[in-house]
Structures are given as structure tokens and as C-alpha cells.
Amino acid sequence: MALQHANDANFAEMVSGGLTLVDFWASWCGPCRMFGPIFEQVSTQMPDVNFVKFEIDETNRRTPAKYGIRSIPSILAFKNGEVVEARTGVMDPETFATWIMELKGA
């Protein structure tokens, strides 16, 4: 599945089915800009997983507050709409892909 972009209005629908990884990020965040290409690269390698980017900005505050996002990048893993795990900070492609494989097996 192609990389998708979510906001407060469509977030629940975006994470409702299957395994979904959500990258909470901001354009002004250096580590987020470093992780963004890694997130996109890994998304092309795993078509059976949903990858969603959520830009934290003035108009999208409800969802990050709901999930307690306090630092970015934060990556939340959802299974059928429920958070199953979260990680914060930049991961290299191998670490990120390994984590996803562990989530798929769980």
C-alpha cells in the first residue's frame, strides 16, 4: 500500500485495519527530516503494511494529544485501530524493518 497522509479528521479511518505504522513528525524537526526518507523507503518494501505520516501542526493537535505524543519523530504501531507499541527517535532502515517484522509476527 502506498504511503498515506493523515490528519485529525481522517486518522481513525487510516489506522482501523491491519498493521499500520504512523510517523508523527513536523517539517521544522531535524530528526524527523532524517527519518522521513527511511520511513518511505521501508514502506516500499512492505506492501502488506499501512504506512501513514501525520504532520503535527496548528490544525492537527487533537490526535497527537490523544496519544500522548511529546517528542518527535514518534512512531506508533496500530493493529486494527489499537496502539500495540510505540518508539521515539530516528531508527536506521534495518532496525525499523526488523521492528515491523516483529510486529507482524506478534
C-alpha atoms as a PDB file:
ATOM      1  CA  MET A   1       0.000   0.000   0.000  1.00  0.00           C
ATOM      2  CA  ALA A   2       1.267   3.471  -0.814  1.00  0.00           C
ATOM      3  CA  LEU A   3       2.348   5.889   1.867  1.00  0.00           C
ATOM      4  CA  GLN A   4      -0.631   7.926   3.077  1.00  0.00           C
ATOM      5  CA  HIS A   5      -1.021  11.214   4.930  1.00  0.00           C
ATOM      6  CA  ALA A   6      -3.425  11.595   7.836  1.00  0.00           C
ATOM      7  CA  ASN A   7      -4.907  14.472   9.816  1.00  0.00           C
ATOM      8  CA  ASP A   8      -7.254  14.790  12.777  1.00  0.00           C
ATOM      9  CA  ALA A   9     -10.305  14.289  10.533  1.00  0.00           C
ATOM     10  CA  ASN A  10      -9.269  11.009   8.875  1.00  0.00           C
ATOM     11  CA  PHE A  11      -6.880   9.470  11.422  1.00  0.00           C
ATOM     12  CA  ALA A  12      -9.211   6.845  12.922  1.00  0.00           C
ATOM     13  CA  GLU A  13     -10.128   5.545   9.463  1.00  0.00           C
ATOM     14  CA  MET A  14      -6.450   5.379   8.420  1.00  0.00           C
ATOM     15  CA  VAL A  15      -5.434   3.125  11.335  1.00  0.00           C
ATOM     16  CA  SER A  16      -8.582   0.989  11.505  1.00  0.00           C
ATOM     17  CA  GLY A  17      -7.457  -2.046   9.509  1.00  0.00           C
ATOM     18  CA  GLY A  18      -4.468  -4.345   9.755  1.00  0.00           C
ATOM     19  CA  LEU A  19      -0.983  -3.307  10.838  1.00  0.00           C
ATOM     20  CA  THR A  20      -0.396   0.426  10.474  1.00  0.00           C
ATOM     21  CA  LEU A  21       2.746   2.397  11.310  1.00  0.00           C
ATOM     22  CA  VAL A  22       2.225   6.105  11.914  1.00  0.00           C
ATOM     23  CA  ASP A  23       5.087   8.597  11.793  1.00  0.00           C
ATOM     24  CA  PHE A  24       4.240  11.694  13.860  1.00  0.00           C
ATOM     25  CA  TRP A  25       6.542  14.427  12.544  1.00  0.00           C
ATOM     26  CA  ALA A  26       6.945  18.153  11.811  1.00  0.00           C
ATOM     27  CA  SER A  27       8.639  19.978   8.956  1.00  0.00           C
ATOM     28  CA  TRP A  28      10.758  22.026  11.386  1.00  0.00           C
ATOM     29  CA  CYS A  29      12.136  18.905  13.157  1.00  0.00           C
ATOM     30  CA  GLY A  30      15.650  17.874  12.060  1.00  0.00           C
ATOM     31  CA  PRO A  31      15.448  14.259  13.272  1.00  0.00           C
ATOM     32  CA  CYS A  32      12.037  13.973  11.557  1.00  0.00           C
ATOM     33  CA  ARG A  33      13.580  15.069   8.264  1.00  0.00           C
ATOM     34  CA  MET A  34      16.274  12.414   8.765  1.00  0.00           C
ATOM     35  CA  PHE A  35      13.764   9.638   9.480  1.00  0.00           C
ATOM     36  CA  GLY A  36      11.232  10.601   6.786  1.00  0.00           C
ATOM     37  CA  PRO A  37      13.172   9.033   3.878  1.00  0.00           C
ATOM     38  CA  ILE A  38      13.797   5.875   5.944  1.00  0.00           C
ATOM     39  CA  PHE A  39      10.066   5.585   6.698  1.00  0.00           C
ATOM     40  CA  GLU A  40       9.283   5.997   2.997  1.00  0.00           C
ATOM     41  CA  GLN A  41      11.998   3.528   1.899  1.00  0.00           C
ATOM     42  CA  VAL A  42      10.778   0.790   4.232  1.00  0.00           C
ATOM     43  CA  SER A  43       7.162   1.434   3.202  1.00  0.00           C
ATOM     44  CA  THR A  44       8.019   0.430  -0.373  1.00  0.00           C
ATOM     45  CA  GLN A  45       9.444  -2.875   0.866  1.00  0.00           C
ATOM     46  CA  MET A  46       6.373  -3.947   2.858  1.00  0.00           C
ATOM     47  CA  PRO A  47       3.206  -3.621   0.756  1.00  0.00           C
ATOM     48  CA  ASP A  48       1.161  -5.604   3.300  1.00  0.00           C
ATOM     49  CA  VAL A  49       1.630  -2.929   5.986  1.00  0.00           C
ATOM     50  CA  ASN A  50      -0.033   0.501   6.069  1.00  0.00           C
ATOM     51  CA  PHE A  51       2.343   3.454   6.437  1.00  0.00           C
ATOM     52  CA  VAL A  52       0.887   6.802   7.473  1.00  0.00           C
ATOM     53  CA  LYS A  53       2.553  10.151   8.064  1.00  0.00           C
ATOM     54  CA  PHE A  54       0.911  12.615  10.453  1.00  0.00           C
ATOM     55  CA  GLU A  55       2.303  16.141  10.439  1.00  0.00           C
ATOM     56  CA  ILE A  56       1.878  17.846  13.767  1.00  0.00           C
ATOM     57  CA  ASP A  57       0.890  21.437  13.104  1.00  0.00           C
ATOM     58  CA  GLU A  58      -1.547  24.090  14.277  1.00  0.00           C
ATOM     59  CA  THR A  59      -4.523  22.393  12.644  1.00  0.00           C
ATOM     60  CA  ASN A  60      -3.739  18.833  13.768  1.00  0.00           C
ATOM     61  CA  ARG A  61      -3.403  18.866  17.552  1.00  0.00           C
ATOM     62  CA  ARG A  62      -6.202  16.579  18.719  1.00  0.00           C
ATOM     63  CA  THR A  63      -4.681  13.254  17.611  1.00  0.00           C
ATOM     64  CA  PRO A  64      -1.144  13.818  18.987  1.00  0.00           C
ATOM     65  CA  ALA A  65      -2.671  14.904  22.304  1.00  0.00           C
ATOM     66  CA  LYS A  66      -4.887  11.813  22.406  1.00  0.00           C
ATOM     67  CA  TYR A  67      -1.865   9.516  22.020  1.00  0.00           C
ATOM     68  CA  GLY A  68       0.457  11.487  24.312  1.00  0.00           C
ATOM     69  CA  ILE A  69       2.945  12.482  21.617  1.00  0.00           C
ATOM     70  CA  ARG A  70       5.510  14.638  23.428  1.00  0.00           C
ATOM     71  CA  SER A  71       8.581  14.262  21.219  1.00  0.00           C
ATOM     72  CA  ILE A  72       9.060  13.626  17.537  1.00  0.00           C
ATOM     73  CA  PRO A  73       9.606  11.664  15.497  1.00  0.00           C
ATOM     74  CA  SER A  74       7.315   9.224  17.271  1.00  0.00           C
ATOM     75  CA  ILE A  75       6.230   6.070  15.502  1.00  0.00           C
ATOM     76  CA  LEU A  76       3.103   4.333  16.749  1.00  0.00           C
ATOM     77  CA  ALA A  77       2.182   0.823  15.650  1.00  0.00           C
ATOM     78  CA  PHE A  78      -1.543   0.086  15.407  1.00  0.00           C
ATOM     79  CA  LYS A  79      -3.274  -3.236  14.863  1.00  0.00           C
ATOM     80  CA  ASN A  80      -6.899  -2.849  13.817  1.00  0.00           C
ATOM     81  CA  GLY A  81      -7.143   0.605  15.355  1.00  0.00           C
ATOM     82  CA  GLU A  82      -5.437  -0.160  18.683  1.00  0.00           C
ATOM     83  CA  VAL A  83      -1.929   1.002  19.643  1.00  0.00           C
ATOM     84  CA  VAL A  84       0.291  -2.016  20.224  1.00  0.00           C
ATOM     85  CA  GLU A  85       3.697  -0.361  20.523  1.00  0.00           C
ATOM     86  CA  ALA A  86       5.467   2.988  20.174  1.00  0.00           C
ATOM     87  CA  ARG A  87       9.003   4.152  19.531  1.00  0.00           C
ATOM     88  CA  THR A  88      10.535   7.590  19.558  1.00  0.00           C
ATOM     89  CA  GLY A  89      13.520   8.865  17.633  1.00  0.00           C
ATOM     90  CA  VAL A  90      15.358   8.037  14.452  1.00  0.00           C
ATOM     91  CA  MET A  91      15.823   4.376  13.505  1.00  0.00           C
ATOM     92  CA  ASP A  92      18.047   3.101  10.716  1.00  0.00           C
ATOM     93  CA  PRO A  93      16.285   1.128   7.946  1.00  0.00           C
ATOM     94  CA  GLU A  94      17.358  -2.269   9.278  1.00  0.00           C
ATOM     95  CA  THR A  95      16.190  -1.567  12.834  1.00  0.00           C
ATOM     96  CA  PHE A  96      12.880  -0.182  11.576  1.00  0.00           C
ATOM     97  CA  ALA A  97      12.268  -3.144   9.246  1.00  0.00           C
ATOM     98  CA  THR A  98      13.176  -5.644  11.988  1.00  0.00           C
ATOM     99  CA  TRP A  99      10.732  -3.978  14.387  1.00  0.00           C
ATOM    100  CA  ILE A 100       7.955  -4.215  11.783  1.00  0.00           C
ATOM    101  CA  MET A 101       8.703  -7.893  11.164  1.00  0.00           C
ATOM    102  CA  GLU A 102       8.451  -8.495  14.933  1.00  0.00           C
ATOM    103  CA  LEU A 103       5.095  -6.685  14.976  1.00  0.00           C
ATOM    104  CA  LYS A 104       3.839  -8.772  12.062  1.00  0.00           C
ATOM    105  CA  GLY A 105       4.770 -11.951  13.890  1.00  0.00           C
ATOM    106  CA  ALA A 106       3.116 -10.941  17.153  1.00  0.00           C
END
